[in-house]
């Protein structure tokens, strides 16, 4: 089954120096873009992360410091990456919890004002886990009858994810072939930032999900303890979390001034 698209969608995968969204860096990124008219384009970049790649991570994806020593940094590639994804929805395997948050950090770090407004994301892993509870390799075998060659290569994982989503739509007639519907199906919980530090309560109001103000409305904390905002902005929190918190604060100030 081919995807029914109202706008382009970019399947992508990252290989990184580790799994810390705030501190780790991209060493490889592959993007496969599918257009509503059926056209497709793809691009894969090796990236110099500017920090050492731990041996334990190299053991997973095979990318060494030497392999990327002469490759461009993400800052040098950021404009190309953003140009490719800026008009698109996003899809990946575990992308909502890892790839999108880490990509957002890298783009913001490079001075690109990335956010998810006006687009949706589809996490193919969540579809798989809700239906079958397996891994990417098992998903490809289960849905497509194929073995995943070069697992943990960004390009191989990206193409596998694309093939799996199409096969999932064939297998599960209850899944609607619509990116907004799939995004809603694959959303585990409603959060305001990628890291899940600011979520929405039952009244659709932002609340903190950590620390001494866990469960408290962000607006209330900003009003009663304004120093908390400064503490987060100056501490080691993800850049996107800081961006979302700033937007909430500005919205509150604008509401007061009206």
Protein backbone atom coordinates (compact mmCIF):
# COMPACT_ATOMS: atom_id res chain seq x y z
CA UNK A 1 0.00 0.00 0.00
CA UNK A 2 1.40 3.38 -0.98
CA UNK A 3 1.08 6.26 1.46
CA UNK A 4 -1.74 8.79 1.04
CA UNK A 5 -0.06 12.13 1.54
CA UNK A 6 -1.29 15.71 1.63
CA UNK A 7 2.28 16.96 2.07
CA UNK A 8 5.74 15.38 1.84
CA UNK A 9 6.91 13.08 4.61
CA UNK A 10 10.56 12.50 5.56
CA UNK A 11 11.56 9.14 6.97
CA UNK A 12 14.87 9.54 8.76
CA UNK A 13 17.29 7.81 11.08
CA UNK A 14 20.25 8.98 13.13
CA UNK A 15 23.39 7.23 14.24
CA UNK A 16 24.89 9.08 17.18
CA UNK A 17 27.64 9.20 19.78
CA UNK A 18 25.18 7.96 22.43
CA UNK A 19 21.63 8.23 23.73
CA UNK A 20 21.75 11.43 25.80
CA UNK A 21 19.54 13.83 23.84
CA UNK A 22 21.08 16.92 25.39
CA UNK A 23 24.74 15.96 25.13
CA UNK A 24 25.25 13.43 22.34
CA UNK A 25 25.80 14.26 18.68
CA UNK A 26 24.89 12.92 15.25
CA UNK A 27 27.50 10.90 13.35
CA UNK A 28 25.25 9.86 10.45
CA UNK A 29 21.86 10.98 9.20
CA UNK A 30 19.79 9.51 6.40
CA UNK A 31 16.59 11.09 5.05
CA UNK A 32 14.17 9.51 2.61
CA UNK A 33 11.57 12.01 1.38
CA UNK A 34 8.30 10.87 -0.19
CA UNK A 35 6.13 13.40 -2.05
CA UNK A 36 2.34 13.29 -2.51
CA UNK A 37 2.80 12.72 -6.25
CA UNK A 38 4.90 9.61 -5.58
CA UNK A 39 8.28 11.18 -6.24
CA UNK A 40 11.06 10.27 -3.84
CA UNK A 41 14.48 11.58 -2.94
CA UNK A 42 17.07 10.47 -0.42
CA UNK A 43 20.25 11.75 1.13
CA UNK A 44 22.71 10.32 3.64
CA UNK A 45 25.47 12.25 5.37
CA UNK A 46 28.32 11.17 7.61
CA UNK A 47 28.87 13.83 10.25
CA UNK A 48 31.88 14.87 12.32
CA UNK A 49 30.35 15.10 15.83
CA UNK A 50 33.27 17.21 17.15
CA UNK A 51 33.39 14.95 20.21
CA UNK A 52 34.86 11.44 20.58
CA UNK A 53 32.69 8.48 19.61
CA UNK A 54 32.75 5.97 22.49
CA UNK A 55 34.00 2.50 21.60
CA UNK A 56 30.79 0.94 22.93
CA UNK A 57 28.80 3.05 20.46
CA UNK A 58 31.13 2.31 17.55
CA UNK A 59 30.56 -1.38 18.29
CA UNK A 60 26.88 -0.83 17.49
CA UNK A 61 27.00 1.23 14.27
CA UNK A 62 30.61 0.76 13.14
CA UNK A 63 31.38 4.46 12.78
CA UNK A 64 34.75 5.47 14.21
CA UNK A 65 36.39 8.83 14.94
CA UNK A 66 38.71 8.22 11.98
CA UNK A 67 35.81 7.55 9.60
CA UNK A 68 34.22 10.95 10.26
CA UNK A 69 37.35 13.01 10.93
CA UNK A 70 37.17 14.72 7.52
CA UNK A 71 33.37 14.86 7.26
CA UNK A 72 31.39 18.12 7.74
CA UNK A 73 30.07 19.04 11.15
CA UNK A 74 26.32 19.15 11.69
CA UNK A 75 26.52 22.93 11.89
CA UNK A 76 27.84 22.90 8.31
CA UNK A 77 25.05 20.55 7.18
CA UNK A 78 22.17 22.05 9.16
CA UNK A 79 20.83 24.27 6.37
CA UNK A 80 20.77 21.33 3.90
CA UNK A 81 19.03 19.07 6.40
CA UNK A 82 16.46 21.72 7.29
CA UNK A 83 15.78 22.55 3.63
CA UNK A 84 14.96 18.90 3.04
CA UNK A 85 12.57 18.52 6.00
CA UNK A 86 11.08 21.99 6.48
CA UNK A 87 7.93 21.36 4.39
CA UNK A 88 7.42 17.79 5.60
CA UNK A 89 5.92 15.59 8.24
CA UNK A 90 8.46 13.32 9.93
CA UNK A 91 8.58 9.56 10.45
CA UNK A 92 11.04 7.14 11.99
CA UNK A 93 11.53 4.15 14.26
CA UNK A 94 11.48 5.34 17.89
CA UNK A 95 11.68 8.81 16.38
CA UNK A 96 9.28 10.54 18.78
CA UNK A 97 11.41 9.63 21.80
CA UNK A 98 14.89 9.82 20.31
CA UNK A 99 15.56 10.87 16.71
CA UNK A 100 13.31 13.94 16.55
CA UNK A 101 14.38 15.29 19.97
CA UNK A 102 18.07 14.83 19.18
CA UNK A 103 17.71 16.31 15.68
CA UNK A 104 15.91 19.30 17.19
CA UNK A 105 18.80 19.84 19.62
CA UNK A 106 21.35 19.72 16.80
CA UNK A 107 19.35 22.14 14.64
CA UNK A 108 18.81 24.60 17.49
CA UNK A 109 22.49 24.35 18.41
CA UNK A 110 23.30 25.26 14.79
CA UNK A 111 21.02 28.30 14.94
CA UNK A 112 18.09 26.79 13.01
CA UNK A 113 14.78 27.64 14.71
CA UNK A 114 13.22 24.19 14.33
CA UNK A 115 9.89 23.17 15.83
CA UNK A 116 7.03 20.79 15.06
CA UNK A 117 4.33 23.41 14.48
CA UNK A 118 2.40 22.73 11.32
CA UNK A 119 3.66 19.18 10.95
CA UNK A 120 3.00 15.77 12.47
CA UNK A 121 5.24 12.84 13.32
CA UNK A 122 4.62 9.13 12.82
CA UNK A 123 6.59 6.72 15.01
CA UNK A 124 6.61 3.38 13.19
CA UNK A 125 8.02 1.66 16.27
CA UNK A 126 4.91 2.58 18.26
CA UNK A 127 2.65 1.05 15.60
CA UNK A 128 4.78 -2.08 15.77
CA UNK A 129 4.90 -2.21 19.57
CA UNK A 130 1.16 -1.70 19.89
CA UNK A 131 0.56 -4.51 17.42
CA UNK A 132 3.47 -6.94 17.83
CA UNK A 133 6.06 -5.83 20.46
CA UNK A 134 9.32 -6.50 18.58
CA UNK A 135 12.52 -4.84 17.22
CA UNK A 136 13.23 -3.15 13.87
CA UNK A 137 14.89 -6.27 12.43
CA UNK A 138 11.98 -8.43 13.60
CA UNK A 139 9.51 -5.89 12.23
CA UNK A 140 11.05 -6.03 8.76
CA UNK A 141 11.04 -9.83 8.87
CA UNK A 142 7.47 -9.98 10.21
CA UNK A 143 5.85 -7.43 7.90
CA UNK A 144 8.00 -7.64 4.78
CA UNK A 145 9.58 -11.10 4.94
CA UNK A 146 13.03 -9.54 4.60
CA UNK A 147 16.22 -9.71 6.62
CA UNK A 148 17.66 -6.38 7.72
CA UNK A 149 21.13 -6.15 6.20
CA UNK A 150 23.54 -3.58 7.68
CA UNK A 151 21.43 -3.00 10.78
CA UNK A 152 22.40 0.22 12.60
CA UNK A 153 23.38 1.81 9.32
CA UNK A 154 21.28 4.97 9.15
CA UNK A 155 20.36 4.39 5.50
CA UNK A 156 19.41 0.73 5.97
CA UNK A 157 17.32 1.52 9.06
CA UNK A 158 15.61 4.43 7.28
CA UNK A 159 14.60 2.35 4.25
CA UNK A 160 13.45 -0.51 6.50
CA UNK A 161 11.23 1.90 8.43
CA UNK A 162 9.62 3.16 5.21
CA UNK A 163 8.94 -0.39 3.99
CA UNK A 164 7.51 -1.43 7.37
CA UNK A 165 5.00 1.44 7.55
CA UNK A 166 3.65 0.60 4.10
CA UNK A 167 3.34 -3.07 5.08
CA UNK A 168 1.63 -2.12 8.38
CA UNK A 169 -1.02 -0.22 6.43
CA UNK A 170 -1.59 -3.31 4.30
CA UNK A 171 -1.83 -5.60 7.33
CA UNK A 172 -4.02 -3.49 9.62
CA UNK A 173 -7.15 -2.18 7.87
CA UNK A 174 -8.07 -0.31 11.07
CA UNK A 175 -5.07 1.98 10.54
CA UNK A 176 -6.04 5.01 8.47
CA UNK A 177 -3.65 5.89 5.64
CA UNK A 178 -3.40 9.48 6.77
CA UNK A 179 -0.37 11.05 8.47
CA UNK A 180 -2.37 13.02 11.05
CA UNK A 181 -4.28 9.89 12.07
CA UNK A 182 -1.09 7.83 12.22
CA UNK A 183 0.58 10.56 14.27
CA UNK A 184 -2.27 10.44 16.80
CA UNK A 185 -2.07 6.64 16.91
CA UNK A 186 1.68 6.67 17.56
CA UNK A 187 1.65 9.44 20.16
CA UNK A 188 2.25 7.79 23.56
CA UNK A 189 1.43 10.83 25.65
CA UNK A 190 0.72 14.46 24.95
CA UNK A 191 3.83 16.51 25.69
CA UNK A 192 4.82 20.09 24.93
CA UNK A 193 8.54 19.43 24.52
CA UNK A 194 10.39 16.45 23.06
CA UNK A 195 12.03 15.47 26.34
CA UNK A 196 8.68 15.12 28.11
CA UNK A 197 9.57 17.58 30.86
CA UNK A 198 6.53 19.70 30.04
CA UNK A 199 3.29 17.86 29.35
CA UNK A 200 -0.41 18.70 29.04
CA UNK A 201 -2.95 17.90 31.75
CA UNK A 202 -6.59 16.85 31.19
CA UNK A 203 -7.50 20.52 30.63
CA UNK A 204 -4.79 20.88 27.97
CA UNK A 205 -2.70 23.11 30.25
CA UNK A 206 1.10 22.76 30.38
CA UNK A 207 2.44 21.15 33.55
CA UNK A 208 5.93 20.22 34.74
CA UNK A 209 6.61 16.48 34.89
CA UNK A 210 9.73 16.56 37.06
CA UNK A 211 11.23 18.01 40.22
CA UNK A 212 9.56 19.84 43.06
CA UNK A 213 6.87 21.27 40.75
CA UNK A 214 5.91 17.95 39.18
CA UNK A 215 2.24 18.06 38.20
CA UNK A 216 1.99 21.83 38.76
CA UNK A 217 0.84 24.15 35.97
CA UNK A 218 3.75 25.94 34.31
CA UNK A 219 1.86 29.26 34.35
CA UNK A 220 1.43 29.04 38.13
CA UNK A 221 5.13 28.27 38.72
CA UNK A 222 6.24 31.14 36.47
CA UNK A 223 3.98 33.48 38.42
CA UNK A 224 4.82 32.36 41.97
CA UNK A 225 8.48 31.45 41.47
CA UNK A 226 9.92 33.46 38.54
CA UNK A 227 13.45 32.36 39.41
CA UNK A 228 12.55 28.82 38.37
CA UNK A 229 12.49 29.95 34.73
CA UNK A 230 15.99 31.41 35.00
CA UNK A 231 17.26 28.28 36.72
CA UNK A 232 16.05 26.06 33.87
CA UNK A 233 17.42 28.42 31.21
CA UNK A 234 20.87 28.37 32.83
CA UNK A 235 20.93 24.67 33.72
CA UNK A 236 21.70 21.63 31.56
CA UNK A 237 18.23 21.15 30.07
CA UNK A 238 17.51 20.35 26.40
CA UNK A 239 17.42 23.45 24.20
CA UNK A 240 13.96 22.59 22.91
CA UNK A 241 12.60 22.40 26.46
CA UNK A 242 14.01 25.88 27.09
CA UNK A 243 12.45 27.10 23.83
CA UNK A 244 9.01 25.77 24.80
CA UNK A 245 9.26 27.27 28.30
CA UNK A 246 10.23 30.64 26.83
CA UNK A 247 7.23 30.51 24.50
CA UNK A 248 4.92 29.82 27.46
CA UNK A 249 6.41 32.73 29.38
CA UNK A 250 6.03 35.10 26.41
CA UNK A 251 2.45 33.98 25.91
CA UNK A 252 1.72 34.70 29.56
CA UNK A 253 3.29 38.18 29.30
CA UNK A 254 1.35 38.96 26.12
CA UNK A 255 -1.89 37.89 27.79
CA UNK A 256 -1.21 40.19 30.74
CA UNK A 257 -0.48 43.14 28.43
CA UNK A 258 -3.68 42.76 26.44
